[in-house]
Amino acid sequence: MRQRALAIALSVLLASPSAHADGATAEAAIDHGIALRRAHRDAEALAEFRRAYAIAPTARALAQVALAEAATELWSSAETDLLRALASDDPWIARQRSSLQLALDEINAHLSTLEIAGPQGADVWIDGKFAAQLPTPLLRVPAKHLIVELRASGFATKRREVDPLPRATERIEFSLEQVDAKLAPDPDPPPRFVSVPVVMSNPVEREPPPTPHQDRTAAWTAAGGAGLFLVGGVALTAYEFDRAGHYNSDAQCADQPDLPRHVRCGSYASEARAAQAAAITSYTLSGAAALTSLVLFLLASRDTQGHARLQCVPALAGGMCRITF
């Protein structure tokens, strides 16, 4: 019901005729802001109303600022500005007072009151923003989850998380603990040199190189993989030729005036192209596995001193390799 009442009040205010303003520029800014409100561009409308109030600080402009603040959920500012506008005897305010009171009631439904007790002179911060200094009157805050902090020089900061209820007052008491200056850490401590004892440890034992038997097993595994990829490539090539033959020779795929070959039997061509790509990949993997197998077989042929029979040395033309048996 409150939201419906607020909507009715806002529609009346936005549709009401413009009153006399202190200047044509301020009046134009107000009219532009009202047009933006109707287009649901509330943040832009708020900027226009604030500009109008800066040019000509009328109660009507201030009321429009408050309504735009409520639309953007700046509830505390909206309440403050709307109360100031209602305190005026401006003729426009008098005509719209009932609608503005409905808007004020809806704004109050989104606000709570905090009563904060603590050391005099301490600063109150709410959600990371400075709010007031103690002693302070009651604080009007949005009815939502809030992080309240009390900060004072020479004292440890205290923090509370609260969830105040709408239209309710919540009291928060803080007791700050003084920080001992002697125990406080030096903000810029001088550099200190710390001697670190050197612990001698046993040398790291390296893992022995792979044995010829291990290399030979890996070589045969790679050779088997090369053979499998080769067989797969041959099978894919055969399938490619079969699909291409159907596409080129099948009587059902013959060109017709209304249905050309690529429309009637396009699936054959697509399958042939896919098989061709897969066959190329399979042949490539087969070659890589075969090369890996060859290298592993050569490494497995080390002599009794563990030296590989395949030896490569740099040369003027780039390099030279030899195999010893």
C-alpha atoms as a PDB file:
ATOM      1  CA  MET A   1       0.000   0.000   0.000  1.00  0.00           C
ATOM      2  CA  ARG A   2       2.865   2.389   0.827  1.00  0.00           C
ATOM      3  CA  GLN A   3       4.475   1.848  -2.564  1.00  0.00           C
ATOM      4  CA  ARG A   4       1.157   2.407  -4.311  1.00  0.00           C
ATOM      5  CA  ALA A   5       0.623   5.602  -2.352  1.00  0.00           C
ATOM      6  CA  LEU A   6       4.109   6.801  -3.229  1.00  0.00           C
ATOM      7  CA  ALA A   7       3.523   6.059  -6.908  1.00  0.00           C
ATOM      8  CA  ILE A   8       0.281   8.063  -6.853  1.00  0.00           C
ATOM      9  CA  ALA A   9       2.011  10.942  -5.110  1.00  0.00           C
ATOM     10  CA  LEU A  10       4.888  10.995  -7.574  1.00  0.00           C
ATOM     11  CA  SER A  11       2.548  10.868 -10.567  1.00  0.00           C
ATOM     12  CA  VAL A  12       0.647  13.882  -9.231  1.00  0.00           C
ATOM     13  CA  LEU A  13       3.850  15.810  -8.639  1.00  0.00           C
ATOM     14  CA  LEU A  14       5.332  15.016 -12.030  1.00  0.00           C
ATOM     15  CA  ALA A  15       2.118  15.966 -13.808  1.00  0.00           C
ATOM     16  CA  SER A  16       1.509  19.220 -11.931  1.00  0.00           C
ATOM     17  CA  PRO A  17       2.063  22.547 -13.737  1.00  0.00           C
ATOM     18  CA  SER A  18       5.345  24.358 -13.146  1.00  0.00           C
ATOM     19  CA  ALA A  19       5.305  27.199 -10.634  1.00  0.00           C
ATOM     20  CA  HIS A  20       7.187  30.441 -11.033  1.00  0.00           C
ATOM     21  CA  ALA A  21      10.955  29.909 -10.578  1.00  0.00           C
ATOM     22  CA  ASP A  22      13.646  32.448  -9.799  1.00  0.00           C
ATOM     23  CA  GLY A  23      15.103  32.045 -13.273  1.00  0.00           C
ATOM     24  CA  ALA A  24      14.285  30.565 -16.629  1.00  0.00           C
ATOM     25  CA  THR A  25      17.406  28.360 -16.505  1.00  0.00           C
ATOM     26  CA  ALA A  26      16.391  26.775 -13.198  1.00  0.00           C
ATOM     27  CA  GLU A  27      12.845  26.246 -14.479  1.00  0.00           C
ATOM     28  CA  ALA A  28      14.167  24.586 -17.637  1.00  0.00           C
ATOM     29  CA  ALA A  29      16.401  22.302 -15.553  1.00  0.00           C
ATOM     30  CA  ILE A  30      13.413  21.262 -13.416  1.00  0.00           C
ATOM     31  CA  ASP A  31      11.298  20.531 -16.499  1.00  0.00           C
ATOM     32  CA  HIS A  32      14.139  18.509 -17.994  1.00  0.00           C
ATOM     33  CA  GLY A  33      14.529  16.572 -14.748  1.00  0.00           C
ATOM     34  CA  ILE A  34      10.811  15.749 -14.701  1.00  0.00           C
ATOM     35  CA  ALA A  35      11.073  14.441 -18.264  1.00  0.00           C
ATOM     36  CA  LEU A  36      14.021  12.266 -17.223  1.00  0.00           C
ATOM     37  CA  ARG A  37      12.017  10.909 -14.252  1.00  0.00           C
ATOM     38  CA  ARG A  38       9.210   9.906 -16.597  1.00  0.00           C
ATOM     39  CA  ALA A  39      11.802   8.056 -18.697  1.00  0.00           C
ATOM     40  CA  HIS A  40      13.025   6.255 -15.516  1.00  0.00           C
ATOM     41  CA  ARG A  41      16.451   7.928 -15.774  1.00  0.00           C
ATOM     42  CA  ASP A  42      16.452   8.840 -12.110  1.00  0.00           C
ATOM     43  CA  ALA A  43      20.194   9.416 -11.615  1.00  0.00           C
ATOM     44  CA  GLU A  44      20.285  11.924 -14.489  1.00  0.00           C
ATOM     45  CA  ALA A  45      17.140  13.584 -13.186  1.00  0.00           C
ATOM     46  CA  LEU A  46      18.724  13.999  -9.751  1.00  0.00           C
ATOM     47  CA  ALA A  47      21.681  15.810 -11.317  1.00  0.00           C
ATOM     48  CA  GLU A  48      19.295  18.169 -13.144  1.00  0.00           C
ATOM     49  CA  PHE A  49      17.272  18.945 -10.003  1.00  0.00           C
ATOM     50  CA  ARG A  50      20.433  19.645  -8.029  1.00  0.00           C
ATOM     51  CA  ARG A  51      21.607  21.984 -10.787  1.00  0.00           C
ATOM     52  CA  ALA A  52      18.259  23.783 -10.674  1.00  0.00           C
ATOM     53  CA  TYR A  53      18.471  24.157  -6.879  1.00  0.00           C
ATOM     54  CA  ALA A  54      22.011  25.532  -7.173  1.00  0.00           C
ATOM     55  CA  ILE A  55      20.769  28.182  -9.623  1.00  0.00           C
ATOM     56  CA  ALA A  56      17.600  29.068  -7.699  1.00  0.00           C
ATOM     57  CA  PRO A  57      17.257  27.380  -4.252  1.00  0.00           C
ATOM     58  CA  THR A  58      13.472  27.095  -4.175  1.00  0.00           C
ATOM     59  CA  ALA A  59      11.450  24.700  -2.048  1.00  0.00           C
ATOM     60  CA  ARG A  60       9.983  23.161  -5.191  1.00  0.00           C
ATOM     61  CA  ALA A  61      13.427  22.361  -6.581  1.00  0.00           C
ATOM     62  CA  LEU A  62      14.472  20.906  -3.213  1.00  0.00           C
ATOM     63  CA  ALA A  63      11.375  18.690  -3.122  1.00  0.00           C
ATOM     64  CA  GLN A  64      12.171  17.371  -6.588  1.00  0.00           C
ATOM     65  CA  VAL A  65      15.741  16.644  -5.419  1.00  0.00           C
ATOM     66  CA  ALA A  66      14.364  14.657  -2.479  1.00  0.00           C
ATOM     67  CA  LEU A  67      12.010  12.615  -4.681  1.00  0.00           C
ATOM     68  CA  ALA A  68      14.843  11.780  -7.086  1.00  0.00           C
ATOM     69  CA  GLU A  69      17.052  10.804  -4.144  1.00  0.00           C
ATOM     70  CA  ALA A  70      14.341   8.428  -2.961  1.00  0.00           C
ATOM     71  CA  ALA A  71      14.133   6.927  -6.453  1.00  0.00           C
ATOM     72  CA  THR A  72      17.892   6.234  -6.324  1.00  0.00           C
ATOM     73  CA  GLU A  73      17.601   4.830  -2.743  1.00  0.00           C
ATOM     74  CA  LEU A  74      19.473   7.692  -1.064  1.00  0.00           C
ATOM     75  CA  TRP A  75      16.977   7.439   1.774  1.00  0.00           C
ATOM     76  CA  SER A  76      18.731   9.522   4.440  1.00  0.00           C
ATOM     77  CA  SER A  77      19.365  12.467   2.099  1.00  0.00           C
ATOM     78  CA  ALA A  78      15.835  12.177   0.705  1.00  0.00           C
ATOM     79  CA  GLU A  79      14.307  12.480   4.175  1.00  0.00           C
ATOM     80  CA  THR A  80      16.472  15.458   5.133  1.00  0.00           C
ATOM     81  CA  ASP A  81      15.746  17.371   1.921  1.00  0.00           C
ATOM     82  CA  LEU A  82      12.042  16.609   1.893  1.00  0.00           C
ATOM     83  CA  LEU A  83      11.611  17.752   5.517  1.00  0.00           C
ATOM     84  CA  ARG A  84      13.351  21.017   4.647  1.00  0.00           C
ATOM     85  CA  ALA A  85      11.057  21.486   1.661  1.00  0.00           C
ATOM     86  CA  LEU A  86       7.920  20.746   3.710  1.00  0.00           C
ATOM     87  CA  ALA A  87       8.995  23.323   6.295  1.00  0.00           C
ATOM     88  CA  SER A  88       8.647  26.030   3.629  1.00  0.00           C
ATOM     89  CA  ASP A  89       5.526  28.122   3.055  1.00  0.00           C
ATOM     90  CA  ASP A  90       6.079  28.025  -0.696  1.00  0.00           C
ATOM     91  CA  PRO A  91       2.708  28.034  -2.569  1.00  0.00           C
ATOM     92  CA  TRP A  92       3.721  25.002  -4.669  1.00  0.00           C
ATOM     93  CA  ILE A  93       4.569  23.069  -1.510  1.00  0.00           C
ATOM     94  CA  ALA A  94       1.213  24.031  -0.005  1.00  0.00           C
ATOM     95  CA  ARG A  95      -0.651  22.690  -3.040  1.00  0.00           C
ATOM     96  CA  GLN A  96       1.295  19.401  -3.087  1.00  0.00           C
ATOM     97  CA  ARG A  97       1.684  18.887   0.665  1.00  0.00           C
ATOM     98  CA  SER A  98      -0.526  15.807   0.878  1.00  0.00           C
ATOM     99  CA  SER A  99       1.355  14.068  -1.944  1.00  0.00           C
ATOM    100  CA  LEU A 100       4.696  15.023  -0.416  1.00  0.00           C
ATOM    101  CA  GLN A 101       3.608  13.635   2.963  1.00  0.00           C
ATOM    102  CA  LEU A 102       2.801  10.314   1.305  1.00  0.00           C
ATOM    103  CA  ALA A 103       6.281  10.300  -0.237  1.00  0.00           C
ATOM    104  CA  LEU A 104       7.826  11.117   3.154  1.00  0.00           C
ATOM    105  CA  ASP A 105       5.992   8.210   4.776  1.00  0.00           C
ATOM    106  CA  GLU A 106       7.355   5.807   2.160  1.00  0.00           C
ATOM    107  CA  ILE A 107      10.890   7.175   2.692  1.00  0.00           C
ATOM    108  CA  ASN A 108      10.561   6.634   6.463  1.00  0.00           C
ATOM    109  CA  ALA A 109       9.696   2.981   5.816  1.00  0.00           C
ATOM    110  CA  HIS A 110      13.245   2.515   4.498  1.00  0.00           C
ATOM    111  CA  LEU A 111      15.033   4.215   7.398  1.00  0.00           C
ATOM    112  CA  SER A 112      16.137   3.293  10.906  1.00  0.00           C
ATOM    113  CA  THR A 113      17.650   5.258  13.783  1.00  0.00           C
ATOM    114  CA  LEU A 114      20.996   4.534  15.454  1.00  0.00           C
ATOM    115  CA  GLU A 115      21.843   5.742  18.955  1.00  0.00           C
ATOM    116  CA  ILE A 116      25.588   5.385  19.420  1.00  0.00           C
ATOM    117  CA  ALA A 117      27.284   5.674  22.811  1.00  0.00           C
ATOM    118  CA  GLY A 118      31.034   5.890  23.253  1.00  0.00           C
ATOM    119  CA  PRO A 119      33.969   8.129  24.186  1.00  0.00           C
ATOM    120  CA  GLN A 120      33.433  11.791  23.405  1.00  0.00           C
ATOM    121  CA  GLY A 121      35.288  12.954  20.314  1.00  0.00           C
ATOM    122  CA  ALA A 122      35.379   9.528  18.651  1.00  0.00           C
ATOM    123  CA  ASP A 123      34.473   9.351  14.979  1.00  0.00           C
ATOM    124  CA  VAL A 124      31.580   7.223  13.743  1.00  0.00           C
ATOM    125  CA  TRP A 125      32.080   5.510  10.392  1.00  0.00           C
ATOM    126  CA  ILE A 126      29.279   3.630   8.621  1.00  0.00           C
ATOM    127  CA  ASP A 127      30.029   1.325   5.706  1.00  0.00           C
ATOM    128  CA  GLY A 128      33.477   2.864   5.323  1.00  0.00           C
ATOM    129  CA  LYS A 129      32.261   6.490   5.273  1.00  0.00           C
ATOM    130  CA  PHE A 130      32.534   9.130   7.985  1.00  0.00           C
ATOM    131  CA  ALA A 131      29.084   9.750   9.528  1.00  0.00           C
ATOM    132  CA  ALA A 132      29.473  11.888  12.675  1.00  0.00           C
ATOM    133  CA  GLN A 133      31.550  12.647  15.772  1.00  0.00           C
ATOM    134  CA  LEU A 134      30.479  11.779  19.301  1.00  0.00           C
ATOM    135  CA  PRO A 135      28.510  13.012  21.061  1.00  0.00           C
ATOM    136  CA  THR A 136      26.083  13.042  18.191  1.00  0.00           C
ATOM    137  CA  PRO A 137      22.282  13.137  17.939  1.00  0.00           C
ATOM    138  CA  LEU A 138      20.445  10.144  16.621  1.00  0.00           C
ATOM    139  CA  LEU A 139      21.649   9.015  13.211  1.00  0.00           C
ATOM    140  CA  ARG A 140      19.174   8.189  10.471  1.00  0.00           C
ATOM    141  CA  VAL A 141      20.458   5.261   8.404  1.00  0.00           C
ATOM    142  CA  PRO A 142      19.059   2.883   5.763  1.00  0.00           C
ATOM    143  CA  ALA A 143      17.314  -0.172   7.213  1.00  0.00           C
ATOM    144  CA  LYS A 144      19.806  -2.731   5.953  1.00  0.00           C
ATOM    145  CA  HIS A 145      22.966  -4.569   6.981  1.00  0.00           C
ATOM    146  CA  LEU A 146      25.491  -1.970   8.176  1.00  0.00           C
ATOM    147  CA  ILE A 147      29.089  -1.995   9.387  1.00  0.00           C
ATOM    148  CA  VAL A 148      29.548   0.586  12.152  1.00  0.00           C
ATOM    149  CA  GLU A 149      33.042   1.554  13.355  1.00  0.00           C
ATOM    150  CA  LEU A 150      34.229   3.827  16.132  1.00  0.00           C
ATOM    151  CA  ARG A 151      37.651   5.369  15.643  1.00  0.00           C
ATOM    152  CA  ALA A 152      39.679   7.544  17.979  1.00  0.00           C
ATOM    153  CA  SER A 153      43.321   8.515  18.106  1.00  0.00           C
ATOM    154  CA  GLY A 154      45.222   6.386  20.605  1.00  0.00           C
ATOM    155  CA  PHE A 155      42.482   3.742  20.765  1.00  0.00           C
ATOM    156  CA  ALA A 156      41.929   0.477  18.936  1.00  0.00           C
ATOM    157  CA  THR A 157      39.134   0.695  16.365  1.00  0.00           C
ATOM    158  CA  LYS A 158      35.966  -1.168  17.325  1.00  0.00           C
ATOM    159  CA  ARG A 159      33.610  -2.594  14.710  1.00  0.00           C
ATOM    160  CA  ARG A 160      30.013  -3.833  14.886  1.00  0.00           C
ATOM    161  CA  GLU A 161      27.713  -5.309  12.251  1.00  0.00           C
ATOM    162  CA  VAL A 162      24.042  -4.437  12.718  1.00  0.00           C
ATOM    163  CA  ASP A 163      20.754  -5.014  10.905  1.00  0.00           C
ATOM    164  CA  PRO A 164      18.433  -2.234  12.100  1.00  0.00           C
ATOM    165  CA  LEU A 165      14.704  -2.619  11.528  1.00  0.00           C
ATOM    166  CA  PRO A 166      12.635  -0.060   9.591  1.00  0.00           C
ATOM    167  CA  ARG A 167      11.079   2.709  11.725  1.00  0.00           C
ATOM    168  CA  ALA A 168      12.987   1.392  14.774  1.00  0.00           C
ATOM    169  CA  THR A 169      15.749   2.767  17.017  1.00  0.00           C
ATOM    170  CA  GLU A 170      18.807   0.659  17.871  1.00  0.00           C
ATOM    171  CA  ARG A 171      21.358   1.573  20.531  1.00  0.00           C
ATOM    172  CA  ILE A 172      24.992   0.583  20.100  1.00  0.00           C
ATOM    173  CA  GLU A 173      27.486   1.005  22.932  1.00  0.00           C
ATOM    174  CA  PHE A 174      31.222   1.083  22.280  1.00  0.00           C
ATOM    175  CA  SER A 175      34.042   0.803  24.801  1.00  0.00           C
ATOM    176  CA  LEU A 176      37.408   1.547  23.228  1.00  0.00           C
ATOM    177  CA  GLU A 177      40.692   0.102  24.459  1.00  0.00           C
ATOM    178  CA  GLN A 178      43.635   2.461  24.643  1.00  0.00           C
ATOM    179  CA  VAL A 179      46.694   1.454  22.655  1.00  0.00           C
ATOM    180  CA  ASP A 180      50.006   1.548  24.566  1.00  0.00           C
ATOM    181  CA  ALA A 181      52.410   3.690  22.550  1.00  0.00           C
ATOM    182  CA  LYS A 182      55.361   1.642  23.800  1.00  0.00           C
ATOM    183  CA  LEU A 183      53.808  -1.549  22.444  1.00  0.00           C
ATOM    184  CA  ALA A 184      52.786  -0.017  19.148  1.00  0.00           C
ATOM    185  CA  PRO A 185      54.962  -1.185  16.259  1.00  0.00           C
ATOM    186  CA  ASP A 186      57.489   1.251  14.842  1.00  0.00           C
ATOM    187  CA  PRO A 187      56.040   2.456  11.496  1.00  0.00           C
ATOM    188  CA  ASP A 188      59.548   2.628   9.972  1.00  0.00           C
ATOM    189  CA  PRO A 189      61.797   0.159  11.823  1.00  0.00           C
ATOM    190  CA  PRO A 190      65.517   0.372  11.009  1.00  0.00           C
ATOM    191  CA  PRO A 191      66.961  -2.389   8.885  1.00  0.00           C
ATOM    192  CA  ARG A 192      68.253  -5.315  10.842  1.00  0.00           C
ATOM    193  CA  PHE A 193      70.788  -7.908   9.799  1.00  0.00           C
ATOM    194  CA  VAL A 194      69.988 -11.405  10.934  1.00  0.00           C
ATOM    195  CA  SER A 195      72.592 -14.086  10.779  1.00  0.00           C
ATOM    196  CA  VAL A 196      71.236 -17.308   9.407  1.00  0.00           C
ATOM    197  CA  PRO A 197      73.122 -20.457  10.330  1.00  0.00           C
ATOM    198  CA  VAL A 198      74.232 -22.551   7.412  1.00  0.00           C
ATOM    199  CA  VAL A 199      73.225 -26.162   7.759  1.00  0.00           C
ATOM    200  CA  MET A 200      75.314 -28.619   5.798  1.00  0.00           C
ATOM    201  CA  SER A 201      73.247 -31.366   4.300  1.00  0.00           C
ATOM    202  CA  ASN A 202      73.996 -34.405   2.276  1.00  0.00           C
ATOM    203  CA  PRO A 203      74.340 -33.792  -1.447  1.00  0.00           C
ATOM    204  CA  VAL A 204      71.190 -34.342  -3.424  1.00  0.00           C
ATOM    205  CA  GLU A 205      71.163 -37.764  -4.924  1.00  0.00           C
ATOM    206  CA  ARG A 206      70.265 -37.656  -8.571  1.00  0.00           C
ATOM    207  CA  GLU A 207      68.048 -40.262 -10.030  1.00  0.00           C
ATOM    208  CA  PRO A 208      69.893 -42.744 -12.219  1.00  0.00           C
ATOM    209  CA  PRO A 209      69.332 -42.429 -15.952  1.00  0.00           C
ATOM    210  CA  PRO A 210      66.811 -44.786 -17.539  1.00  0.00           C
ATOM    211  CA  THR A 211      68.160 -48.252 -18.136  1.00  0.00           C
ATOM    212  CA  PRO A 212      68.403 -49.700 -21.666  1.00  0.00           C
ATOM    213  CA  HIS A 213      65.545 -52.057 -20.777  1.00  0.00           C
ATOM    214  CA  GLN A 214      63.279 -49.107 -19.922  1.00  0.00           C
ATOM    215  CA  ASP A 215      64.208 -47.315 -23.156  1.00  0.00           C
ATOM    216  CA  ARG A 216      63.534 -50.463 -25.165  1.00  0.00           C
ATOM    217  CA  THR A 217      60.067 -50.885 -23.599  1.00  0.00           C
ATOM    218  CA  ALA A 218      59.179 -47.270 -24.387  1.00  0.00           C
ATOM    219  CA  ALA A 219      60.521 -47.711 -27.925  1.00  0.00           C
ATOM    220  CA  TRP A 220      58.314 -50.748 -28.601  1.00  0.00           C
ATOM    221  CA  THR A 221      55.316 -48.878 -27.121  1.00  0.00           C
ATOM    222  CA  ALA A 222      55.925 -45.955 -29.491  1.00  0.00           C
ATOM    223  CA  ALA A 223      56.338 -48.362 -32.409  1.00  0.00           C
ATOM    224  CA  GLY A 224      53.019 -49.995 -31.566  1.00  0.00           C
ATOM    225  CA  GLY A 225      51.342 -46.591 -31.456  1.00  0.00           C
ATOM    226  CA  ALA A 226      52.842 -45.731 -34.859  1.00  0.00           C
ATOM    227  CA  GLY A 227      51.389 -48.926 -36.298  1.00  0.00           C
ATOM    228  CA  LEU A 228      47.930 -48.256 -34.866  1.00  0.00           C
ATOM    229  CA  PHE A 229      47.864 -44.711 -36.226  1.00  0.00           C
ATOM    230  CA  LEU A 230      49.010 -45.999 -39.616  1.00  0.00           C
ATOM    231  CA  VAL A 231      46.233 -48.606 -39.745  1.00  0.00           C
ATOM    232  CA  GLY A 232      43.719 -45.970 -38.731  1.00  0.00           C
ATOM    233  CA  GLY A 233      44.949 -43.635 -41.473  1.00  0.00           C
ATOM    234  CA  VAL A 234      44.625 -46.339 -44.115  1.00  0.00           C
ATOM    235  CA  ALA A 235      41.075 -47.156 -42.960  1.00  0.00           C
ATOM    236  CA  LEU A 236      40.103 -43.496 -43.052  1.00  0.00           C
ATOM    237  CA  THR A 237      41.558 -43.095 -46.533  1.00  0.00           C
ATOM    238  CA  ALA A 238      39.526 -46.073 -47.743  1.00  0.00           C
ATOM    239  CA  TYR A 239      36.386 -44.566 -46.244  1.00  0.00           C
ATOM    240  CA  GLU A 240      37.180 -41.245 -47.924  1.00  0.00           C
ATOM    241  CA  PHE A 241      37.436 -42.930 -51.350  1.00  0.00           C
ATOM    242  CA  ASP A 242      34.168 -44.795 -50.722  1.00  0.00           C
ATOM    243  CA  ARG A 243      32.262 -41.596 -49.868  1.00  0.00           C
ATOM    244  CA  ALA A 244      33.783 -39.731 -52.800  1.00  0.00           C
ATOM    245  CA  GLY A 245      32.842 -42.595 -55.139  1.00  0.00           C
ATOM    246  CA  HIS A 246      29.229 -42.424 -54.006  1.00  0.00           C
ATOM    247  CA  TYR A 247      29.180 -38.690 -54.541  1.00  0.00           C
ATOM    248  CA  ASN A 248      30.628 -38.913 -58.063  1.00  0.00           C
ATOM    249  CA  SER A 249      29.048 -42.144 -59.371  1.00  0.00           C
ATOM    250  CA  ASP A 250      25.795 -42.771 -57.491  1.00  0.00           C
ATOM    251  CA  ALA A 251      22.846 -42.423 -59.858  1.00  0.00           C
ATOM    252  CA  GLN A 252      20.792 -40.819 -57.141  1.00  0.00           C
ATOM    253  CA  CYS A 253      23.309 -37.970 -56.991  1.00  0.00           C
ATOM    254  CA  ALA A 254      23.028 -36.990 -60.666  1.00  0.00           C
ATOM    255  CA  ASP A 255      22.382 -33.306 -61.316  1.00  0.00           C
ATOM    256  CA  GLN A 256      18.813 -32.289 -61.912  1.00  0.00           C
ATOM    257  CA  PRO A 257      17.480 -28.856 -62.913  1.00  0.00           C
ATOM    258  CA  ASP A 258      15.915 -28.210 -59.537  1.00  0.00           C
ATOM    259  CA  LEU A 259      18.299 -30.225 -57.324  1.00  0.00           C
ATOM    260  CA  PRO A 260      22.019 -30.101 -58.201  1.00  0.00           C
ATOM    261  CA  ARG A 261      24.446 -32.773 -57.039  1.00  0.00           C
ATOM    262  CA  HIS A 262      25.812 -30.879 -54.024  1.00  0.00           C
ATOM    263  CA  VAL A 263      22.260 -30.475 -52.689  1.00  0.00           C
ATOM    264  CA  ARG A 264      21.120 -34.057 -53.230  1.00  0.00           C
ATOM    265  CA  CYS A 265      24.268 -35.805 -51.975  1.00  0.00           C
ATOM    266  CA  GLY A 266      26.138 -33.142 -50.072  1.00  0.00           C
ATOM    267  CA  SER A 267      26.440 -35.454 -47.079  1.00  0.00           C
ATOM    268  CA  TYR A 268      28.762 -37.767 -49.057  1.00  0.00           C
ATOM    269  CA  ALA A 269      31.111 -34.875 -49.803  1.00  0.00           C
ATOM    270  CA  SER A 270      31.090 -33.736 -46.175  1.00  0.00           C
ATOM    271  CA  GLU A 271      31.886 -37.247 -44.949  1.00  0.00           C
ATOM    272  CA  ALA A 272      34.724 -37.571 -47.466  1.00  0.00           C
ATOM    273  CA  ARG A 273      36.284 -34.271 -46.359  1.00  0.00           C
ATOM    274  CA  ALA A 274      36.027 -35.227 -42.678  1.00  0.00           C
ATOM    275  CA  ALA A 275      37.634 -38.613 -43.364  1.00  0.00           C
ATOM    276  CA  GLN A 276      40.437 -36.948 -45.302  1.00  0.00           C
ATOM    277  CA  ALA A 277      41.225 -34.563 -42.429  1.00  0.00           C
ATOM    278  CA  ALA A 278      41.184 -37.407 -39.896  1.00  0.00           C
ATOM    279  CA  ALA A 279      43.450 -39.526 -42.117  1.00  0.00           C
ATOM    280  CA  ILE A 280      46.016 -36.728 -42.392  1.00  0.00           C
ATOM    281  CA  THR A 281      46.029 -36.375 -38.614  1.00  0.00           C
ATOM    282  CA  SER A 282      46.437 -40.119 -38.159  1.00  0.00           C
ATOM    283  CA  TYR A 283      49.363 -40.282 -40.617  1.00  0.00           C
ATOM    284  CA  THR A 284      51.038 -37.357 -38.849  1.00  0.00           C
ATOM    285  CA  LEU A 285      50.727 -39.022 -35.453  1.00  0.00           C
ATOM    286  CA  SER A 286      51.999 -42.271 -36.919  1.00  0.00           C
ATOM    287  CA  GLY A 287      55.114 -40.546 -38.252  1.00  0.00           C
ATOM    288  CA  ALA A 288      55.761 -38.792 -34.929  1.00  0.00           C
ATOM    289  CA  ALA A 289      55.399 -42.054 -33.005  1.00  0.00           C
ATOM    290  CA  ALA A 290      57.706 -43.854 -35.457  1.00  0.00           C
ATOM    291  CA  LEU A 291      60.381 -41.165 -35.077  1.00  0.00           C
ATOM    292  CA  THR A 292      60.071 -41.358 -31.290  1.00  0.00           C
ATOM    293  CA  SER A 293      60.429 -45.127 -31.443  1.00  0.00           C
ATOM    294  CA  LEU A 294      63.602 -44.840 -33.553  1.00  0.00           C
ATOM    295  CA  VAL A 295      65.209 -42.406 -31.111  1.00  0.00           C
ATOM    296  CA  LEU A 296      64.330 -44.602 -28.134  1.00  0.00           C
ATOM    297  CA  PHE A 297      65.777 -47.687 -29.841  1.00  0.00           C
ATOM    298  CA  LEU A 298      69.025 -45.808 -30.428  1.00  0.00           C
ATOM    299  CA  LEU A 299      69.152 -44.646 -26.827  1.00  0.00           C
ATOM    300  CA  ALA A 300      68.506 -48.186 -25.651  1.00  0.00           C
ATOM    301  CA  SER A 301      71.625 -49.357 -27.475  1.00  0.00           C
ATOM    302  CA  ARG A 302      74.067 -47.877 -24.940  1.00  0.00           C
ATOM    303  CA  ASP A 303      77.307 -49.642 -24.425  1.00  0.00           C
ATOM    304  CA  THR A 304      78.422 -51.204 -21.154  1.00  0.00           C
ATOM    305  CA  GLN A 305      79.758 -47.847 -19.894  1.00  0.00           C
ATOM    306  CA  GLY A 306      76.356 -46.222 -20.420  1.00  0.00           C
ATOM    307  CA  HIS A 307      77.374 -44.162 -23.469  1.00  0.00           C
ATOM    308  CA  ALA A 308      74.817 -43.927 -26.227  1.00  0.00           C
ATOM    309  CA  ARG A 309      75.785 -45.336 -29.598  1.00  0.00           C
ATOM    310  CA  LEU A 310      74.120 -42.302 -31.227  1.00  0.00           C
ATOM    311  CA  GLN A 311      76.479 -39.333 -30.779  1.00  0.00           C
ATOM    312  CA  CYS A 312      76.046 -35.863 -32.267  1.00  0.00           C
ATOM    313  CA  VAL A 313      78.704 -33.127 -32.247  1.00  0.00           C
ATOM    314  CA  PRO A 314      78.613 -29.569 -33.606  1.00  0.00           C
ATOM    315  CA  ALA A 315      80.384 -28.963 -36.901  1.00  0.00           C
ATOM    316  CA  LEU A 316      81.091 -26.022 -39.159  1.00  0.00           C
ATOM    317  CA  ALA A 317      78.122 -26.796 -41.396  1.00  0.00           C
ATOM    318  CA  GLY A 318      75.776 -27.221 -38.455  1.00  0.00           C
ATOM    319  CA  GLY A 319      76.376 -30.632 -36.890  1.00  0.00           C
ATOM    320  CA  MET A 320      77.291 -34.277 -37.418  1.00  0.00           C
ATOM    321  CA  CYS A 321      75.898 -37.455 -35.918  1.00  0.00           C
ATOM    322  CA  ARG A 322      77.282 -40.962 -35.935  1.00  0.00           C
ATOM    323  CA  ILE A 323      76.007 -44.345 -34.810  1.00  0.00           C
ATOM    324  CA  THR A 324      78.384 -46.896 -33.381  1.00  0.00           C
ATOM    325  CA  PHE A 325      77.612 -50.623 -33.296  1.00  0.00           C
END
